[in-house]
Amino acid sequence: STFALGADWVNSARGFMFAVGCIQA
């Protein structure tokens, strides 16, 4: 959906933080 609005690439931090174990404390 981000590509659909004009982006050429995306940066993702939150998903990888979740994968590491972040619980958003």
PDBML (XML) file of the C-alpha atoms, coordinates in Angstrom:
<?xml version="1.0" encoding="UTF-8" ?>
<PDBx:datablock datablockName="MODEL"
   xmlns:PDBx="http://pdbml.pdb.org/schema/pdbx-v50.xsd"
   xmlns:xsi="http://www.w3.org/2001/XMLSchema-instance"
   xsi:schemaLocation="http://pdbml.pdb.org/schema/pdbx-v50.xsd pdbx-v50.xsd">
   <PDBx:atom_siteCategory>
      <PDBx:atom_site id="1">
         <PDBx:B_iso_or_equiv>0.00</PDBx:B_iso_or_equiv>
         <PDBx:Cartn_x>0.000</PDBx:Cartn_x>
         <PDBx:Cartn_y>0.000</PDBx:Cartn_y>
         <PDBx:Cartn_z>0.000</PDBx:Cartn_z>
         <PDBx:auth_asym_id>A</PDBx:auth_asym_id>
         <PDBx:auth_atom_id>CA</PDBx:auth_atom_id>
         <PDBx:auth_comp_id>SER</PDBx:auth_comp_id>
         <PDBx:auth_seq_id>1</PDBx:auth_seq_id>
         <PDBx:group_PDB>ATOM</PDBx:group_PDB>
         <PDBx:label_alt_id xsi:nil="true" />
         <PDBx:label_asym_id>A</PDBx:label_asym_id>
         <PDBx:label_atom_id>CA</PDBx:label_atom_id>
         <PDBx:label_comp_id>SER</PDBx:label_comp_id>
         <PDBx:label_entity_id>1</PDBx:label_entity_id>
         <PDBx:label_seq_id>1</PDBx:label_seq_id>
         <PDBx:occupancy>1.00</PDBx:occupancy>
         <PDBx:pdbx_PDB_model_num>1</PDBx:pdbx_PDB_model_num>
         <PDBx:type_symbol>C</PDBx:type_symbol>
      </PDBx:atom_site>
      <PDBx:atom_site id="2">
         <PDBx:B_iso_or_equiv>0.00</PDBx:B_iso_or_equiv>
         <PDBx:Cartn_x>2.956</PDBx:Cartn_x>
         <PDBx:Cartn_y>2.337</PDBx:Cartn_y>
         <PDBx:Cartn_z>0.580</PDBx:Cartn_z>
         <PDBx:auth_asym_id>A</PDBx:auth_asym_id>
         <PDBx:auth_atom_id>CA</PDBx:auth_atom_id>
         <PDBx:auth_comp_id>THR</PDBx:auth_comp_id>
         <PDBx:auth_seq_id>2</PDBx:auth_seq_id>
         <PDBx:group_PDB>ATOM</PDBx:group_PDB>
         <PDBx:label_alt_id xsi:nil="true" />
         <PDBx:label_asym_id>A</PDBx:label_asym_id>
         <PDBx:label_atom_id>CA</PDBx:label_atom_id>
         <PDBx:label_comp_id>THR</PDBx:label_comp_id>
         <PDBx:label_entity_id>1</PDBx:label_entity_id>
         <PDBx:label_seq_id>2</PDBx:label_seq_id>
         <PDBx:occupancy>1.00</PDBx:occupancy>
         <PDBx:pdbx_PDB_model_num>1</PDBx:pdbx_PDB_model_num>
         <PDBx:type_symbol>C</PDBx:type_symbol>
      </PDBx:atom_site>
      <PDBx:atom_site id="3">
         <PDBx:B_iso_or_equiv>0.00</PDBx:B_iso_or_equiv>
         <PDBx:Cartn_x>4.291</PDBx:Cartn_x>
         <PDBx:Cartn_y>1.588</PDBx:Cartn_y>
         <PDBx:Cartn_z>-2.900</PDBx:Cartn_z>
         <PDBx:auth_asym_id>A</PDBx:auth_asym_id>
         <PDBx:auth_atom_id>CA</PDBx:auth_atom_id>
         <PDBx:auth_comp_id>PHE</PDBx:auth_comp_id>
         <PDBx:auth_seq_id>3</PDBx:auth_seq_id>
         <PDBx:group_PDB>ATOM</PDBx:group_PDB>
         <PDBx:label_alt_id xsi:nil="true" />
         <PDBx:label_asym_id>A</PDBx:label_asym_id>
         <PDBx:label_atom_id>CA</PDBx:label_atom_id>
         <PDBx:label_comp_id>PHE</PDBx:label_comp_id>
         <PDBx:label_entity_id>1</PDBx:label_entity_id>
         <PDBx:label_seq_id>3</PDBx:label_seq_id>
         <PDBx:occupancy>1.00</PDBx:occupancy>
         <PDBx:pdbx_PDB_model_num>1</PDBx:pdbx_PDB_model_num>
         <PDBx:type_symbol>C</PDBx:type_symbol>
      </PDBx:atom_site>
      <PDBx:atom_site id="4">
         <PDBx:B_iso_or_equiv>0.00</PDBx:B_iso_or_equiv>
         <PDBx:Cartn_x>0.841</PDBx:Cartn_x>
         <PDBx:Cartn_y>2.381</PDBx:Cartn_y>
         <PDBx:Cartn_z>-4.294</PDBx:Cartn_z>
         <PDBx:auth_asym_id>A</PDBx:auth_asym_id>
         <PDBx:auth_atom_id>CA</PDBx:auth_atom_id>
         <PDBx:auth_comp_id>ALA</PDBx:auth_comp_id>
         <PDBx:auth_seq_id>4</PDBx:auth_seq_id>
         <PDBx:group_PDB>ATOM</PDBx:group_PDB>
         <PDBx:label_alt_id xsi:nil="true" />
         <PDBx:label_asym_id>A</PDBx:label_asym_id>
         <PDBx:label_atom_id>CA</PDBx:label_atom_id>
         <PDBx:label_comp_id>ALA</PDBx:label_comp_id>
         <PDBx:label_entity_id>1</PDBx:label_entity_id>
         <PDBx:label_seq_id>4</PDBx:label_seq_id>
         <PDBx:occupancy>1.00</PDBx:occupancy>
         <PDBx:pdbx_PDB_model_num>1</PDBx:pdbx_PDB_model_num>
         <PDBx:type_symbol>C</PDBx:type_symbol>
      </PDBx:atom_site>
      <PDBx:atom_site id="5">
         <PDBx:B_iso_or_equiv>0.00</PDBx:B_iso_or_equiv>
         <PDBx:Cartn_x>1.099</PDBx:Cartn_x>
         <PDBx:Cartn_y>5.920</PDBx:Cartn_y>
         <PDBx:Cartn_z>-2.911</PDBx:Cartn_z>
         <PDBx:auth_asym_id>A</PDBx:auth_asym_id>
         <PDBx:auth_atom_id>CA</PDBx:auth_atom_id>
         <PDBx:auth_comp_id>LEU</PDBx:auth_comp_id>
         <PDBx:auth_seq_id>5</PDBx:auth_seq_id>
         <PDBx:group_PDB>ATOM</PDBx:group_PDB>
         <PDBx:label_alt_id xsi:nil="true" />
         <PDBx:label_asym_id>A</PDBx:label_asym_id>
         <PDBx:label_atom_id>CA</PDBx:label_atom_id>
         <PDBx:label_comp_id>LEU</PDBx:label_comp_id>
         <PDBx:label_entity_id>1</PDBx:label_entity_id>
         <PDBx:label_seq_id>5</PDBx:label_seq_id>
         <PDBx:occupancy>1.00</PDBx:occupancy>
         <PDBx:pdbx_PDB_model_num>1</PDBx:pdbx_PDB_model_num>
         <PDBx:type_symbol>C</PDBx:type_symbol>
      </PDBx:atom_site>
      <PDBx:atom_site id="6">
         <PDBx:B_iso_or_equiv>0.00</PDBx:B_iso_or_equiv>
         <PDBx:Cartn_x>4.445</PDBx:Cartn_x>
         <PDBx:Cartn_y>6.665</PDBx:Cartn_y>
         <PDBx:Cartn_z>-4.537</PDBx:Cartn_z>
         <PDBx:auth_asym_id>A</PDBx:auth_asym_id>
         <PDBx:auth_atom_id>CA</PDBx:auth_atom_id>
         <PDBx:auth_comp_id>GLY</PDBx:auth_comp_id>
         <PDBx:auth_seq_id>6</PDBx:auth_seq_id>
         <PDBx:group_PDB>ATOM</PDBx:group_PDB>
         <PDBx:label_alt_id xsi:nil="true" />
         <PDBx:label_asym_id>A</PDBx:label_asym_id>
         <PDBx:label_atom_id>CA</PDBx:label_atom_id>
         <PDBx:label_comp_id>GLY</PDBx:label_comp_id>
         <PDBx:label_entity_id>1</PDBx:label_entity_id>
         <PDBx:label_seq_id>6</PDBx:label_seq_id>
         <PDBx:occupancy>1.00</PDBx:occupancy>
         <PDBx:pdbx_PDB_model_num>1</PDBx:pdbx_PDB_model_num>
         <PDBx:type_symbol>C</PDBx:type_symbol>
      </PDBx:atom_site>
      <PDBx:atom_site id="7">
         <PDBx:B_iso_or_equiv>0.00</PDBx:B_iso_or_equiv>
         <PDBx:Cartn_x>7.274</PDBx:Cartn_x>
         <PDBx:Cartn_y>5.119</PDBx:Cartn_y>
         <PDBx:Cartn_z>-2.510</PDBx:Cartn_z>
         <PDBx:auth_asym_id>A</PDBx:auth_asym_id>
         <PDBx:auth_atom_id>CA</PDBx:auth_atom_id>
         <PDBx:auth_comp_id>ALA</PDBx:auth_comp_id>
         <PDBx:auth_seq_id>7</PDBx:auth_seq_id>
         <PDBx:group_PDB>ATOM</PDBx:group_PDB>
         <PDBx:label_alt_id xsi:nil="true" />
         <PDBx:label_asym_id>A</PDBx:label_asym_id>
         <PDBx:label_atom_id>CA</PDBx:label_atom_id>
         <PDBx:label_comp_id>ALA</PDBx:label_comp_id>
         <PDBx:label_entity_id>1</PDBx:label_entity_id>
         <PDBx:label_seq_id>7</PDBx:label_seq_id>
         <PDBx:occupancy>1.00</PDBx:occupancy>
         <PDBx:pdbx_PDB_model_num>1</PDBx:pdbx_PDB_model_num>
         <PDBx:type_symbol>C</PDBx:type_symbol>
      </PDBx:atom_site>
      <PDBx:atom_site id="8">
         <PDBx:B_iso_or_equiv>0.00</PDBx:B_iso_or_equiv>
         <PDBx:Cartn_x>10.244</PDBx:Cartn_x>
         <PDBx:Cartn_y>3.486</PDBx:Cartn_y>
         <PDBx:Cartn_z>-4.243</PDBx:Cartn_z>
         <PDBx:auth_asym_id>A</PDBx:auth_asym_id>
         <PDBx:auth_atom_id>CA</PDBx:auth_atom_id>
         <PDBx:auth_comp_id>ASP</PDBx:auth_comp_id>
         <PDBx:auth_seq_id>8</PDBx:auth_seq_id>
         <PDBx:group_PDB>ATOM</PDBx:group_PDB>
         <PDBx:label_alt_id xsi:nil="true" />
         <PDBx:label_asym_id>A</PDBx:label_asym_id>
         <PDBx:label_atom_id>CA</PDBx:label_atom_id>
         <PDBx:label_comp_id>ASP</PDBx:label_comp_id>
         <PDBx:label_entity_id>1</PDBx:label_entity_id>
         <PDBx:label_seq_id>8</PDBx:label_seq_id>
         <PDBx:occupancy>1.00</PDBx:occupancy>
         <PDBx:pdbx_PDB_model_num>1</PDBx:pdbx_PDB_model_num>
         <PDBx:type_symbol>C</PDBx:type_symbol>
      </PDBx:atom_site>
      <PDBx:atom_site id="9">
         <PDBx:B_iso_or_equiv>0.00</PDBx:B_iso_or_equiv>
         <PDBx:Cartn_x>11.256</PDBx:Cartn_x>
         <PDBx:Cartn_y>1.582</PDBx:Cartn_y>
         <PDBx:Cartn_z>-1.117</PDBx:Cartn_z>
         <PDBx:auth_asym_id>A</PDBx:auth_asym_id>
         <PDBx:auth_atom_id>CA</PDBx:auth_atom_id>
         <PDBx:auth_comp_id>TRP</PDBx:auth_comp_id>
         <PDBx:auth_seq_id>9</PDBx:auth_seq_id>
         <PDBx:group_PDB>ATOM</PDBx:group_PDB>
         <PDBx:label_alt_id xsi:nil="true" />
         <PDBx:label_asym_id>A</PDBx:label_asym_id>
         <PDBx:label_atom_id>CA</PDBx:label_atom_id>
         <PDBx:label_comp_id>TRP</PDBx:label_comp_id>
         <PDBx:label_entity_id>1</PDBx:label_entity_id>
         <PDBx:label_seq_id>9</PDBx:label_seq_id>
         <PDBx:occupancy>1.00</PDBx:occupancy>
         <PDBx:pdbx_PDB_model_num>1</PDBx:pdbx_PDB_model_num>
         <PDBx:type_symbol>C</PDBx:type_symbol>
      </PDBx:atom_site>
      <PDBx:atom_site id="10">
         <PDBx:B_iso_or_equiv>0.00</PDBx:B_iso_or_equiv>
         <PDBx:Cartn_x>10.261</PDBx:Cartn_x>
         <PDBx:Cartn_y>1.245</PDBx:Cartn_y>
         <PDBx:Cartn_z>2.515</PDBx:Cartn_z>
         <PDBx:auth_asym_id>A</PDBx:auth_asym_id>
         <PDBx:auth_atom_id>CA</PDBx:auth_atom_id>
         <PDBx:auth_comp_id>VAL</PDBx:auth_comp_id>
         <PDBx:auth_seq_id>10</PDBx:auth_seq_id>
         <PDBx:group_PDB>ATOM</PDBx:group_PDB>
         <PDBx:label_alt_id xsi:nil="true" />
         <PDBx:label_asym_id>A</PDBx:label_asym_id>
         <PDBx:label_atom_id>CA</PDBx:label_atom_id>
         <PDBx:label_comp_id>VAL</PDBx:label_comp_id>
         <PDBx:label_entity_id>1</PDBx:label_entity_id>
         <PDBx:label_seq_id>10</PDBx:label_seq_id>
         <PDBx:occupancy>1.00</PDBx:occupancy>
         <PDBx:pdbx_PDB_model_num>1</PDBx:pdbx_PDB_model_num>
         <PDBx:type_symbol>C</PDBx:type_symbol>
      </PDBx:atom_site>
      <PDBx:atom_site id="11">
         <PDBx:B_iso_or_equiv>0.00</PDBx:B_iso_or_equiv>
         <PDBx:Cartn_x>12.176</PDBx:Cartn_x>
         <PDBx:Cartn_y>1.225</PDBx:Cartn_y>
         <PDBx:Cartn_z>5.787</PDBx:Cartn_z>
         <PDBx:auth_asym_id>A</PDBx:auth_asym_id>
         <PDBx:auth_atom_id>CA</PDBx:auth_atom_id>
         <PDBx:auth_comp_id>ASN</PDBx:auth_comp_id>
         <PDBx:auth_seq_id>11</PDBx:auth_seq_id>
         <PDBx:group_PDB>ATOM</PDBx:group_PDB>
         <PDBx:label_alt_id xsi:nil="true" />
         <PDBx:label_asym_id>A</PDBx:label_asym_id>
         <PDBx:label_atom_id>CA</PDBx:label_atom_id>
         <PDBx:label_comp_id>ASN</PDBx:label_comp_id>
         <PDBx:label_entity_id>1</PDBx:label_entity_id>
         <PDBx:label_seq_id>11</PDBx:label_seq_id>
         <PDBx:occupancy>1.00</PDBx:occupancy>
         <PDBx:pdbx_PDB_model_num>1</PDBx:pdbx_PDB_model_num>
         <PDBx:type_symbol>C</PDBx:type_symbol>
      </PDBx:atom_site>
      <PDBx:atom_site id="12">
         <PDBx:B_iso_or_equiv>0.00</PDBx:B_iso_or_equiv>
         <PDBx:Cartn_x>10.891</PDBx:Cartn_x>
         <PDBx:Cartn_y>-1.021</PDBx:Cartn_y>
         <PDBx:Cartn_z>8.531</PDBx:Cartn_z>
         <PDBx:auth_asym_id>A</PDBx:auth_asym_id>
         <PDBx:auth_atom_id>CA</PDBx:auth_atom_id>
         <PDBx:auth_comp_id>SER</PDBx:auth_comp_id>
         <PDBx:auth_seq_id>12</PDBx:auth_seq_id>
         <PDBx:group_PDB>ATOM</PDBx:group_PDB>
         <PDBx:label_alt_id xsi:nil="true" />
         <PDBx:label_asym_id>A</PDBx:label_asym_id>
         <PDBx:label_atom_id>CA</PDBx:label_atom_id>
         <PDBx:label_comp_id>SER</PDBx:label_comp_id>
         <PDBx:label_entity_id>1</PDBx:label_entity_id>
         <PDBx:label_seq_id>12</PDBx:label_seq_id>
         <PDBx:occupancy>1.00</PDBx:occupancy>
         <PDBx:pdbx_PDB_model_num>1</PDBx:pdbx_PDB_model_num>
         <PDBx:type_symbol>C</PDBx:type_symbol>
      </PDBx:atom_site>
      <PDBx:atom_site id="13">
         <PDBx:B_iso_or_equiv>0.00</PDBx:B_iso_or_equiv>
         <PDBx:Cartn_x>12.086</PDBx:Cartn_x>
         <PDBx:Cartn_y>-0.969</PDBx:Cartn_y>
         <PDBx:Cartn_z>12.133</PDBx:Cartn_z>
         <PDBx:auth_asym_id>A</PDBx:auth_asym_id>
         <PDBx:auth_atom_id>CA</PDBx:auth_atom_id>
         <PDBx:auth_comp_id>ALA</PDBx:auth_comp_id>
         <PDBx:auth_seq_id>13</PDBx:auth_seq_id>
         <PDBx:group_PDB>ATOM</PDBx:group_PDB>
         <PDBx:label_alt_id xsi:nil="true" />
         <PDBx:label_asym_id>A</PDBx:label_asym_id>
         <PDBx:label_atom_id>CA</PDBx:label_atom_id>
         <PDBx:label_comp_id>ALA</PDBx:label_comp_id>
         <PDBx:label_entity_id>1</PDBx:label_entity_id>
         <PDBx:label_seq_id>13</PDBx:label_seq_id>
         <PDBx:occupancy>1.00</PDBx:occupancy>
         <PDBx:pdbx_PDB_model_num>1</PDBx:pdbx_PDB_model_num>
         <PDBx:type_symbol>C</PDBx:type_symbol>
      </PDBx:atom_site>
      <PDBx:atom_site id="14">
         <PDBx:B_iso_or_equiv>0.00</PDBx:B_iso_or_equiv>
         <PDBx:Cartn_x>9.075</PDBx:Cartn_x>
         <PDBx:Cartn_y>-1.911</PDBx:Cartn_y>
         <PDBx:Cartn_z>14.238</PDBx:Cartn_z>
         <PDBx:auth_asym_id>A</PDBx:auth_asym_id>
         <PDBx:auth_atom_id>CA</PDBx:auth_atom_id>
         <PDBx:auth_comp_id>ARG</PDBx:auth_comp_id>
         <PDBx:auth_seq_id>14</PDBx:auth_seq_id>
         <PDBx:group_PDB>ATOM</PDBx:group_PDB>
         <PDBx:label_alt_id xsi:nil="true" />
         <PDBx:label_asym_id>A</PDBx:label_asym_id>
         <PDBx:label_atom_id>CA</PDBx:label_atom_id>
         <PDBx:label_comp_id>ARG</PDBx:label_comp_id>
         <PDBx:label_entity_id>1</PDBx:label_entity_id>
         <PDBx:label_seq_id>14</PDBx:label_seq_id>
         <PDBx:occupancy>1.00</PDBx:occupancy>
         <PDBx:pdbx_PDB_model_num>1</PDBx:pdbx_PDB_model_num>
         <PDBx:type_symbol>C</PDBx:type_symbol>
      </PDBx:atom_site>
      <PDBx:atom_site id="15">
         <PDBx:B_iso_or_equiv>0.00</PDBx:B_iso_or_equiv>
         <PDBx:Cartn_x>8.525</PDBx:Cartn_x>
         <PDBx:Cartn_y>-5.348</PDBx:Cartn_y>
         <PDBx:Cartn_z>12.685</PDBx:Cartn_z>
         <PDBx:auth_asym_id>A</PDBx:auth_asym_id>
         <PDBx:auth_atom_id>CA</PDBx:auth_atom_id>
         <PDBx:auth_comp_id>GLY</PDBx:auth_comp_id>
         <PDBx:auth_seq_id>15</PDBx:auth_seq_id>
         <PDBx:group_PDB>ATOM</PDBx:group_PDB>
         <PDBx:label_alt_id xsi:nil="true" />
         <PDBx:label_asym_id>A</PDBx:label_asym_id>
         <PDBx:label_atom_id>CA</PDBx:label_atom_id>
         <PDBx:label_comp_id>GLY</PDBx:label_comp_id>
         <PDBx:label_entity_id>1</PDBx:label_entity_id>
         <PDBx:label_seq_id>15</PDBx:label_seq_id>
         <PDBx:occupancy>1.00</PDBx:occupancy>
         <PDBx:pdbx_PDB_model_num>1</PDBx:pdbx_PDB_model_num>
         <PDBx:type_symbol>C</PDBx:type_symbol>
      </PDBx:atom_site>
      <PDBx:atom_site id="16">
         <PDBx:B_iso_or_equiv>0.00</PDBx:B_iso_or_equiv>
         <PDBx:Cartn_x>12.142</PDBx:Cartn_x>
         <PDBx:Cartn_y>-6.320</PDBx:Cartn_y>
         <PDBx:Cartn_z>13.231</PDBx:Cartn_z>
         <PDBx:auth_asym_id>A</PDBx:auth_asym_id>
         <PDBx:auth_atom_id>CA</PDBx:auth_atom_id>
         <PDBx:auth_comp_id>PHE</PDBx:auth_comp_id>
         <PDBx:auth_seq_id>16</PDBx:auth_seq_id>
         <PDBx:group_PDB>ATOM</PDBx:group_PDB>
         <PDBx:label_alt_id xsi:nil="true" />
         <PDBx:label_asym_id>A</PDBx:label_asym_id>
         <PDBx:label_atom_id>CA</PDBx:label_atom_id>
         <PDBx:label_comp_id>PHE</PDBx:label_comp_id>
         <PDBx:label_entity_id>1</PDBx:label_entity_id>
         <PDBx:label_seq_id>16</PDBx:label_seq_id>
         <PDBx:occupancy>1.00</PDBx:occupancy>
         <PDBx:pdbx_PDB_model_num>1</PDBx:pdbx_PDB_model_num>
         <PDBx:type_symbol>C</PDBx:type_symbol>
      </PDBx:atom_site>
      <PDBx:atom_site id="17">
         <PDBx:B_iso_or_equiv>0.00</PDBx:B_iso_or_equiv>
         <PDBx:Cartn_x>11.984</PDBx:Cartn_x>
         <PDBx:Cartn_y>-5.002</PDBx:Cartn_y>
         <PDBx:Cartn_z>16.789</PDBx:Cartn_z>
         <PDBx:auth_asym_id>A</PDBx:auth_asym_id>
         <PDBx:auth_atom_id>CA</PDBx:auth_atom_id>
         <PDBx:auth_comp_id>MET</PDBx:auth_comp_id>
         <PDBx:auth_seq_id>17</PDBx:auth_seq_id>
         <PDBx:group_PDB>ATOM</PDBx:group_PDB>
         <PDBx:label_alt_id xsi:nil="true" />
         <PDBx:label_asym_id>A</PDBx:label_asym_id>
         <PDBx:label_atom_id>CA</PDBx:label_atom_id>
         <PDBx:label_comp_id>MET</PDBx:label_comp_id>
         <PDBx:label_entity_id>1</PDBx:label_entity_id>
         <PDBx:label_seq_id>17</PDBx:label_seq_id>
         <PDBx:occupancy>1.00</PDBx:occupancy>
         <PDBx:pdbx_PDB_model_num>1</PDBx:pdbx_PDB_model_num>
         <PDBx:type_symbol>C</PDBx:type_symbol>
      </PDBx:atom_site>
      <PDBx:atom_site id="18">
         <PDBx:B_iso_or_equiv>0.00</PDBx:B_iso_or_equiv>
         <PDBx:Cartn_x>8.999</PDBx:Cartn_x>
         <PDBx:Cartn_y>-7.290</PDBx:Cartn_y>
         <PDBx:Cartn_z>17.374</PDBx:Cartn_z>
         <PDBx:auth_asym_id>A</PDBx:auth_asym_id>
         <PDBx:auth_atom_id>CA</PDBx:auth_atom_id>
         <PDBx:auth_comp_id>PHE</PDBx:auth_comp_id>
         <PDBx:auth_seq_id>18</PDBx:auth_seq_id>
         <PDBx:group_PDB>ATOM</PDBx:group_PDB>
         <PDBx:label_alt_id xsi:nil="true" />
         <PDBx:label_asym_id>A</PDBx:label_asym_id>
         <PDBx:label_atom_id>CA</PDBx:label_atom_id>
         <PDBx:label_comp_id>PHE</PDBx:label_comp_id>
         <PDBx:label_entity_id>1</PDBx:label_entity_id>
         <PDBx:label_seq_id>18</PDBx:label_seq_id>
         <PDBx:occupancy>1.00</PDBx:occupancy>
         <PDBx:pdbx_PDB_model_num>1</PDBx:pdbx_PDB_model_num>
         <PDBx:type_symbol>C</PDBx:type_symbol>
      </PDBx:atom_site>
      <PDBx:atom_site id="19">
         <PDBx:B_iso_or_equiv>0.00</PDBx:B_iso_or_equiv>
         <PDBx:Cartn_x>10.957</PDBx:Cartn_x>
         <PDBx:Cartn_y>-10.200</PDBx:Cartn_y>
         <PDBx:Cartn_z>15.900</PDBx:Cartn_z>
         <PDBx:auth_asym_id>A</PDBx:auth_asym_id>
         <PDBx:auth_atom_id>CA</PDBx:auth_atom_id>
         <PDBx:auth_comp_id>ALA</PDBx:auth_comp_id>
         <PDBx:auth_seq_id>19</PDBx:auth_seq_id>
         <PDBx:group_PDB>ATOM</PDBx:group_PDB>
         <PDBx:label_alt_id xsi:nil="true" />
         <PDBx:label_asym_id>A</PDBx:label_asym_id>
         <PDBx:label_atom_id>CA</PDBx:label_atom_id>
         <PDBx:label_comp_id>ALA</PDBx:label_comp_id>
         <PDBx:label_entity_id>1</PDBx:label_entity_id>
         <PDBx:label_seq_id>19</PDBx:label_seq_id>
         <PDBx:occupancy>1.00</PDBx:occupancy>
         <PDBx:pdbx_PDB_model_num>1</PDBx:pdbx_PDB_model_num>
         <PDBx:type_symbol>C</PDBx:type_symbol>
      </PDBx:atom_site>
      <PDBx:atom_site id="20">
         <PDBx:B_iso_or_equiv>0.00</PDBx:B_iso_or_equiv>
         <PDBx:Cartn_x>13.805</PDBx:Cartn_x>
         <PDBx:Cartn_y>-9.489</PDBx:Cartn_y>
         <PDBx:Cartn_z>18.333</PDBx:Cartn_z>
         <PDBx:auth_asym_id>A</PDBx:auth_asym_id>
         <PDBx:auth_atom_id>CA</PDBx:auth_atom_id>
         <PDBx:auth_comp_id>VAL</PDBx:auth_comp_id>
         <PDBx:auth_seq_id>20</PDBx:auth_seq_id>
         <PDBx:group_PDB>ATOM</PDBx:group_PDB>
         <PDBx:label_alt_id xsi:nil="true" />
         <PDBx:label_asym_id>A</PDBx:label_asym_id>
         <PDBx:label_atom_id>CA</PDBx:label_atom_id>
         <PDBx:label_comp_id>VAL</PDBx:label_comp_id>
         <PDBx:label_entity_id>1</PDBx:label_entity_id>
         <PDBx:label_seq_id>20</PDBx:label_seq_id>
         <PDBx:occupancy>1.00</PDBx:occupancy>
         <PDBx:pdbx_PDB_model_num>1</PDBx:pdbx_PDB_model_num>
         <PDBx:type_symbol>C</PDBx:type_symbol>
      </PDBx:atom_site>
      <PDBx:atom_site id="21">
         <PDBx:B_iso_or_equiv>0.00</PDBx:B_iso_or_equiv>
         <PDBx:Cartn_x>11.362</PDBx:Cartn_x>
         <PDBx:Cartn_y>-9.468</PDBx:Cartn_y>
         <PDBx:Cartn_z>21.234</PDBx:Cartn_z>
         <PDBx:auth_asym_id>A</PDBx:auth_asym_id>
         <PDBx:auth_atom_id>CA</PDBx:auth_atom_id>
         <PDBx:auth_comp_id>GLY</PDBx:auth_comp_id>
         <PDBx:auth_seq_id>21</PDBx:auth_seq_id>
         <PDBx:group_PDB>ATOM</PDBx:group_PDB>
         <PDBx:label_alt_id xsi:nil="true" />
         <PDBx:label_asym_id>A</PDBx:label_asym_id>
         <PDBx:label_atom_id>CA</PDBx:label_atom_id>
         <PDBx:label_comp_id>GLY</PDBx:label_comp_id>
         <PDBx:label_entity_id>1</PDBx:label_entity_id>
         <PDBx:label_seq_id>21</PDBx:label_seq_id>
         <PDBx:occupancy>1.00</PDBx:occupancy>
         <PDBx:pdbx_PDB_model_num>1</PDBx:pdbx_PDB_model_num>
         <PDBx:type_symbol>C</PDBx:type_symbol>
      </PDBx:atom_site>
      <PDBx:atom_site id="22">
         <PDBx:B_iso_or_equiv>0.00</PDBx:B_iso_or_equiv>
         <PDBx:Cartn_x>10.234</PDBx:Cartn_x>
         <PDBx:Cartn_y>-5.860</PDBx:Cartn_y>
         <PDBx:Cartn_z>21.778</PDBx:Cartn_z>
         <PDBx:auth_asym_id>A</PDBx:auth_asym_id>
         <PDBx:auth_atom_id>CA</PDBx:auth_atom_id>
         <PDBx:auth_comp_id>CYS</PDBx:auth_comp_id>
         <PDBx:auth_seq_id>22</PDBx:auth_seq_id>
         <PDBx:group_PDB>ATOM</PDBx:group_PDB>
         <PDBx:label_alt_id xsi:nil="true" />
         <PDBx:label_asym_id>A</PDBx:label_asym_id>
         <PDBx:label_atom_id>CA</PDBx:label_atom_id>
         <PDBx:label_comp_id>CYS</PDBx:label_comp_id>
         <PDBx:label_entity_id>1</PDBx:label_entity_id>
         <PDBx:label_seq_id>22</PDBx:label_seq_id>
         <PDBx:occupancy>1.00</PDBx:occupancy>
         <PDBx:pdbx_PDB_model_num>1</PDBx:pdbx_PDB_model_num>
         <PDBx:type_symbol>C</PDBx:type_symbol>
      </PDBx:atom_site>
      <PDBx:atom_site id="23">
         <PDBx:B_iso_or_equiv>0.00</PDBx:B_iso_or_equiv>
         <PDBx:Cartn_x>6.910</PDBx:Cartn_x>
         <PDBx:Cartn_y>-5.680</PDBx:Cartn_y>
         <PDBx:Cartn_z>23.643</PDBx:Cartn_z>
         <PDBx:auth_asym_id>A</PDBx:auth_asym_id>
         <PDBx:auth_atom_id>CA</PDBx:auth_atom_id>
         <PDBx:auth_comp_id>ILE</PDBx:auth_comp_id>
         <PDBx:auth_seq_id>23</PDBx:auth_seq_id>
         <PDBx:group_PDB>ATOM</PDBx:group_PDB>
         <PDBx:label_alt_id xsi:nil="true" />
         <PDBx:label_asym_id>A</PDBx:label_asym_id>
         <PDBx:label_atom_id>CA</PDBx:label_atom_id>
         <PDBx:label_comp_id>ILE</PDBx:label_comp_id>
         <PDBx:label_entity_id>1</PDBx:label_entity_id>
         <PDBx:label_seq_id>23</PDBx:label_seq_id>
         <PDBx:occupancy>1.00</PDBx:occupancy>
         <PDBx:pdbx_PDB_model_num>1</PDBx:pdbx_PDB_model_num>
         <PDBx:type_symbol>C</PDBx:type_symbol>
      </PDBx:atom_site>
      <PDBx:atom_site id="24">
         <PDBx:B_iso_or_equiv>0.00</PDBx:B_iso_or_equiv>
         <PDBx:Cartn_x>6.581</PDBx:Cartn_x>
         <PDBx:Cartn_y>-1.863</PDBx:Cartn_y>
         <PDBx:Cartn_z>23.353</PDBx:Cartn_z>
         <PDBx:auth_asym_id>A</PDBx:auth_asym_id>
         <PDBx:auth_atom_id>CA</PDBx:auth_atom_id>
         <PDBx:auth_comp_id>GLN</PDBx:auth_comp_id>
         <PDBx:auth_seq_id>24</PDBx:auth_seq_id>
         <PDBx:group_PDB>ATOM</PDBx:group_PDB>
         <PDBx:label_alt_id xsi:nil="true" />
         <PDBx:label_asym_id>A</PDBx:label_asym_id>
         <PDBx:label_atom_id>CA</PDBx:label_atom_id>
         <PDBx:label_comp_id>GLN</PDBx:label_comp_id>
         <PDBx:label_entity_id>1</PDBx:label_entity_id>
         <PDBx:label_seq_id>24</PDBx:label_seq_id>
         <PDBx:occupancy>1.00</PDBx:occupancy>
         <PDBx:pdbx_PDB_model_num>1</PDBx:pdbx_PDB_model_num>
         <PDBx:type_symbol>C</PDBx:type_symbol>
      </PDBx:atom_site>
      <PDBx:atom_site id="25">
         <PDBx:B_iso_or_equiv>0.00</PDBx:B_iso_or_equiv>
         <PDBx:Cartn_x>7.016</PDBx:Cartn_x>
         <PDBx:Cartn_y>-1.352</PDBx:Cartn_y>
         <PDBx:Cartn_z>27.085</PDBx:Cartn_z>
         <PDBx:auth_asym_id>A</PDBx:auth_asym_id>
         <PDBx:auth_atom_id>CA</PDBx:auth_atom_id>
         <PDBx:auth_comp_id>ALA</PDBx:auth_comp_id>
         <PDBx:auth_seq_id>25</PDBx:auth_seq_id>
         <PDBx:group_PDB>ATOM</PDBx:group_PDB>
         <PDBx:label_alt_id xsi:nil="true" />
         <PDBx:label_asym_id>A</PDBx:label_asym_id>
         <PDBx:label_atom_id>CA</PDBx:label_atom_id>
         <PDBx:label_comp_id>ALA</PDBx:label_comp_id>
         <PDBx:label_entity_id>1</PDBx:label_entity_id>
         <PDBx:label_seq_id>25</PDBx:label_seq_id>
         <PDBx:occupancy>1.00</PDBx:occupancy>
         <PDBx:pdbx_PDB_model_num>1</PDBx:pdbx_PDB_model_num>
         <PDBx:type_symbol>C</PDBx:type_symbol>
      </PDBx:atom_site>
   </PDBx:atom_siteCategory>
</PDBx:datablock>
